[in-house]
C-alpha atoms as a PDB file:
ATOM      1  CA  MET A   1     -12.779  -5.238 -13.772  1.00  0.00           C
ATOM      2  CA  GLU A   2     -11.092  -2.302 -12.235  1.00  0.00           C
ATOM      3  CA  LYS A   3      -7.793  -2.880 -10.375  1.00  0.00           C
ATOM      4  CA  ILE A   4      -6.611  -0.725  -7.469  1.00  0.00           C
ATOM      5  CA  LEU A   5      -3.289  -0.702  -5.823  1.00  0.00           C
ATOM      6  CA  VAL A   6      -3.185  -0.504  -2.030  1.00  0.00           C
ATOM      7  CA  ALA A   7       0.220   0.311  -0.537  1.00  0.00           C
ATOM      8  CA  TYR A   8       0.248  -1.551   2.779  1.00  0.00           C
ATOM      9  CA  ASP A   9       2.705  -1.864   5.868  1.00  0.00           C
ATOM     10  CA  HIS A  10       0.093  -2.903   8.430  1.00  0.00           C
ATOM     11  CA  SER A  11       0.239   0.473  10.205  1.00  0.00           C
ATOM     12  CA  ASP A  12      -3.107   2.199  11.363  1.00  0.00           C
ATOM     13  CA  ALA A  13      -2.928   4.376   8.310  1.00  0.00           C
ATOM     14  CA  SER A  14      -2.531   1.378   5.837  1.00  0.00           C
ATOM     15  CA  GLN A  15      -5.267  -0.463   7.773  1.00  0.00           C
ATOM     16  CA  ALA A  16      -7.550   2.465   7.141  1.00  0.00           C
ATOM     17  CA  ALA A  17      -6.682   2.512   3.384  1.00  0.00           C
ATOM     18  CA  LEU A  18      -7.481  -1.288   3.295  1.00  0.00           C
ATOM     19  CA  ARG A  19     -10.833  -0.375   4.823  1.00  0.00           C
ATOM     20  CA  TRP A  20     -11.676   2.291   2.674  1.00  0.00           C
ATOM     21  CA  SER A  21     -10.630  -0.114  -0.328  1.00  0.00           C
ATOM     22  CA  ILE A  22     -13.135  -2.727   0.914  1.00  0.00           C
ATOM     23  CA  GLY A  23     -15.857   0.055   1.045  1.00  0.00           C
ATOM     24  CA  TYR A  24     -14.926   1.045  -2.470  1.00  0.00           C
ATOM     25  CA  SER A  25     -15.135  -2.461  -3.672  1.00  0.00           C
ATOM     26  CA  ARG A  26     -18.738  -2.594  -2.571  1.00  0.00           C
ATOM     27  CA  SER A  27     -19.840  -0.156  -5.215  1.00  0.00           C
ATOM     28  CA  HIS A  28     -17.183  -1.052  -7.918  1.00  0.00           C
ATOM     29  CA  ASP A  29     -16.161  -4.296  -9.444  1.00  0.00           C
ATOM     30  CA  VAL A  30     -12.415  -4.199  -8.336  1.00  0.00           C
ATOM     31  CA  GLU A  31      -9.486  -6.357  -7.778  1.00  0.00           C
ATOM     32  CA  VAL A  32      -7.138  -5.128  -5.170  1.00  0.00           C
ATOM     33  CA  LEU A  33      -3.453  -5.379  -5.499  1.00  0.00           C
ATOM     34  CA  LEU A  34      -2.075  -5.313  -1.861  1.00  0.00           C
ATOM     35  CA  VAL A  35       1.583  -4.321  -2.059  1.00  0.00           C
ATOM     36  CA  TYR A  36       4.226  -3.867   0.606  1.00  0.00           C
ATOM     37  CA  VAL A  37       7.621  -2.237  -0.189  1.00  0.00           C
ATOM     38  CA  VAL A  38      10.808  -3.354   1.537  1.00  0.00           C
ATOM     39  CA  SER A  39      13.346  -0.467   1.373  1.00  0.00           C
ATOM     40  CA  SER A  40      16.266  -1.326  -0.961  1.00  0.00           C
ATOM     41  CA  LEU A  41      18.433   0.727   1.473  1.00  0.00           C
ATOM     42  CA  GLU A  42      17.417  -1.498   4.466  1.00  0.00           C
ATOM     43  CA  GLU A  43      18.382  -4.689   2.271  1.00  0.00           C
ATOM     44  CA  TRP A  44      21.798  -3.069   1.413  1.00  0.00           C
ATOM     45  CA  GLU A  45      22.325  -2.366   4.982  1.00  0.00           C
ATOM     46  CA  LEU A  46      21.429  -6.047   5.802  1.00  0.00           C
ATOM     47  CA  ALA A  47      23.741  -7.336   3.188  1.00  0.00           C
ATOM     48  CA  ALA A  48      26.494  -5.139   4.378  1.00  0.00           C
ATOM     49  CA  ILE A  49      26.476  -6.924   7.772  1.00  0.00           C
ATOM     50  CA  GLN A  50      26.199 -10.419   6.018  1.00  0.00           C
ATOM     51  CA  VAL A  51      22.261 -10.838   6.850  1.00  0.00           C
ATOM     52  CA  ASP A  52      20.415 -12.511   4.192  1.00  0.00           C
ATOM     53  CA  PRO A  53      17.163 -10.385   3.547  1.00  0.00           C
ATOM     54  CA  ASP A  54      15.227 -13.254   1.880  1.00  0.00           C
ATOM     55  CA  PRO A  55      13.808 -14.776   5.084  1.00  0.00           C
ATOM     56  CA  ILE A  56      12.466 -11.270   5.975  1.00  0.00           C
ATOM     57  CA  ARG A  57      10.955 -10.696   2.490  1.00  0.00           C
ATOM     58  CA  HIS A  58       9.246 -14.340   2.865  1.00  0.00           C
ATOM     59  CA  SER A  59       7.942 -13.596   6.152  1.00  0.00           C
ATOM     60  CA  ILE A  60       6.378 -10.163   4.768  1.00  0.00           C
ATOM     61  CA  GLN A  61       4.867 -12.254   1.998  1.00  0.00           C
ATOM     62  CA  ARG A  62       3.359 -14.685   4.222  1.00  0.00           C
ATOM     63  CA  LEU A  63       1.797 -11.974   6.441  1.00  0.00           C
ATOM     64  CA  LEU A  64       0.633 -10.129   3.310  1.00  0.00           C
ATOM     65  CA  ALA A  65      -0.951 -13.250   1.694  1.00  0.00           C
ATOM     66  CA  GLY A  66      -2.345 -14.281   5.172  1.00  0.00           C
ATOM     67  CA  GLU A  67      -3.650 -12.365   8.079  1.00  0.00           C
ATOM     68  CA  TRP A  68      -2.840  -8.770   6.674  1.00  0.00           C
ATOM     69  CA  SER A  69      -5.249  -9.622   3.656  1.00  0.00           C
ATOM     70  CA  ASP A  70      -7.751 -11.398   5.797  1.00  0.00           C
ATOM     71  CA  PRO A  71     -10.098  -8.287   5.723  1.00  0.00           C
ATOM     72  CA  LEU A  72     -10.213  -8.523   1.877  1.00  0.00           C
ATOM     73  CA  ARG A  73     -10.759 -12.331   2.043  1.00  0.00           C
ATOM     74  CA  ASP A  74     -13.563 -11.903   4.621  1.00  0.00           C
ATOM     75  CA  ALA A  75     -15.270  -9.261   2.482  1.00  0.00           C
ATOM     76  CA  GLY A  76     -15.102 -11.443  -0.626  1.00  0.00           C
ATOM     77  CA  VAL A  77     -12.834  -8.955  -2.383  1.00  0.00           C
ATOM     78  CA  THR A  78     -10.681 -10.476  -5.303  1.00  0.00           C
ATOM     79  CA  PHE A  79      -7.109  -9.568  -4.444  1.00  0.00           C
ATOM     80  CA  ASP A  80      -3.538 -10.376  -5.067  1.00  0.00           C
ATOM     81  CA  THR A  81      -0.393  -9.552  -3.020  1.00  0.00           C
ATOM     82  CA  ARG A  82       3.022  -8.346  -4.040  1.00  0.00           C
ATOM     83  CA  VAL A  83       6.167  -7.574  -2.046  1.00  0.00           C
ATOM     84  CA  LEU A  84       8.260  -4.992  -3.920  1.00  0.00           C
ATOM     85  CA  VAL A  85      11.864  -3.799  -3.292  1.00  0.00           C
ATOM     86  CA  GLY A  86      12.895  -0.348  -3.675  1.00  0.00           C
ATOM     87  CA  ARG A  87      12.258   3.247  -2.592  1.00  0.00           C
ATOM     88  CA  ALA A  88       8.523   3.277  -1.447  1.00  0.00           C
ATOM     89  CA  ALA A  89       7.073   5.932  -3.656  1.00  0.00           C
ATOM     90  CA  ASP A  90       8.967   4.700  -6.836  1.00  0.00           C
ATOM     91  CA  ALA A  91       8.226   1.154  -6.320  1.00  0.00           C
ATOM     92  CA  VAL A  92       4.581   1.830  -6.008  1.00  0.00           C
ATOM     93  CA  LEU A  93       4.443   4.086  -8.825  1.00  0.00           C
ATOM     94  CA  HIS A  94       6.229   1.662 -11.014  1.00  0.00           C
ATOM     95  CA  CYS A  95       3.940  -1.138 -10.062  1.00  0.00           C
ATOM     96  CA  ALA A  96       1.018   0.978 -10.560  1.00  0.00           C
ATOM     97  CA  GLU A  97       2.136   1.732 -14.165  1.00  0.00           C
ATOM     98  CA  GLU A  98       3.156  -1.703 -14.834  1.00  0.00           C
ATOM     99  CA  GLU A  99      -0.333  -3.225 -13.660  1.00  0.00           C
ATOM    100  CA  GLN A 100      -2.320  -0.318 -15.083  1.00  0.00           C
ATOM    101  CA  VAL A 101      -4.207   0.254 -12.028  1.00  0.00           C
ATOM    102  CA  ALA A 102      -7.025   2.793 -12.112  1.00  0.00           C
ATOM    103  CA  LEU A 103      -6.362   4.083  -8.614  1.00  0.00           C
ATOM    104  CA  VAL A 104      -3.562   4.082  -5.847  1.00  0.00           C
ATOM    105  CA  VAL A 105      -4.700   4.045  -2.177  1.00  0.00           C
ATOM    106  CA  LEU A 106      -2.424   4.715   0.686  1.00  0.00           C
ATOM    107  CA  GLY A 107      -2.833   5.468   4.285  1.00  0.00           C
ATOM    108  CA  MET A 108      -2.064   8.984   5.684  1.00  0.00           C
ATOM    109  CA  THR A 109      -0.091   9.339   8.868  1.00  0.00           C
ATOM    110  CA  SER A 110      -1.188  11.283  11.751  1.00  0.00           C
ATOM    111  CA  ARG A 111       1.069  14.087  10.737  1.00  0.00           C
ATOM    112  CA  GLY A 112      -1.080  14.222   7.516  1.00  0.00           C
ATOM    113  CA  THR A 113      -0.420  14.959   3.936  1.00  0.00           C
ATOM    114  CA  LEU A 114       0.686  18.585   4.525  1.00  0.00           C
ATOM    115  CA  PHE A 115       3.549  17.416   6.648  1.00  0.00           C
ATOM    116  CA  GLU A 116       4.317  14.881   3.898  1.00  0.00           C
ATOM    117  CA  LEU A 117       4.204  17.543   1.195  1.00  0.00           C
ATOM    118  CA  MET A 118       6.624  19.753   3.290  1.00  0.00           C
ATOM    119  CA  ALA A 119       9.002  17.005   4.289  1.00  0.00           C
ATOM    120  CA  GLY A 120       9.165  15.338   0.810  1.00  0.00           C
ATOM    121  CA  GLY A 121       7.896  11.959   1.924  1.00  0.00           C
ATOM    122  CA  THR A 122       6.277   9.022   0.122  1.00  0.00           C
ATOM    123  CA  THR A 123       2.917  10.545  -0.099  1.00  0.00           C
ATOM    124  CA  GLU A 124       4.369  13.789  -1.532  1.00  0.00           C
ATOM    125  CA  ARG A 125       6.238  11.851  -4.195  1.00  0.00           C
ATOM    126  CA  LEU A 126       3.278   9.845  -5.086  1.00  0.00           C
ATOM    127  CA  LEU A 127       0.976  12.817  -5.328  1.00  0.00           C
ATOM    128  CA  HIS A 128       3.339  14.772  -7.551  1.00  0.00           C
ATOM    129  CA  HIS A 129       4.644  12.024  -9.719  1.00  0.00           C
ATOM    130  CA  ALA A 130       1.479   9.623 -10.222  1.00  0.00           C
ATOM    131  CA  HIS A 131      -0.280   9.232 -13.500  1.00  0.00           C
ATOM    132  CA  ARG A 132      -3.582   8.119 -11.998  1.00  0.00           C
ATOM    133  CA  PRO A 133      -5.739   9.081  -9.122  1.00  0.00           C
ATOM    134  CA  VAL A 134      -4.097   8.849  -5.647  1.00  0.00           C
ATOM    135  CA  VAL A 135      -6.626   8.469  -2.584  1.00  0.00           C
ATOM    136  CA  ALA A 136      -4.820   9.246   0.829  1.00  0.00           C
ATOM    137  CA  VAL A 137      -7.049   7.792   3.634  1.00  0.00           C
ATOM    138  CA  PRO A 138      -6.583   9.302   7.157  1.00  0.00           C
ATOM    139  CA  ALA A 139      -5.352   6.851   9.808  1.00  0.00           C
ATOM    140  CA  GLY A 140      -8.497   7.065  11.787  1.00  0.00           C
ATOM    141  CA  TRP A 141     -10.961   6.607   8.944  1.00  0.00           C
ATOM    142  CA  THR A 142     -13.593   4.034   9.501  1.00  0.00           C
ATOM    143  CA  THR A 143     -16.595   2.758   7.446  1.00  0.00           C
ATOM    144  CA  GLU A 144     -18.867   4.442   9.934  1.00  0.00           C
ATOM    145  CA  ARG A 145     -17.295   7.981   9.123  1.00  0.00           C
ATOM    146  CA  ALA A 146     -17.799   7.249   5.453  1.00  0.00           C
ATOM    147  CA  GLY A 147     -21.686   7.712   5.457  1.00  0.00           C
END
């Protein structure tokens, strides 16, 4: 069974990436690893003002394992969820290597990949440093557009 990693934050773009992954699973025997990355910088900032980040992480994990992964569950796709901590691109790349995924799927913001490439964002880092294919799905992508 092929494993694919879907970077998820419940944005329109990541929901499109999830829809794409469900469509991909219809023609491939896949397990989806749905990951959310909590910024280590945000955790540091919370700690600096003496706020425990654990409840936030647990809340995100509940959403990820619950309502955010409902589309996978409803489609009968085998999946697992994971909350990672770190810089988004680095955490996704590390997890992809560690889990030996065949493919990394992420949503593309309305600004698009060109903006990300020029601004040096998460998509740019993933595209330049990944050792496996990366699929960037536009935020407005739907299964009706796939055919």
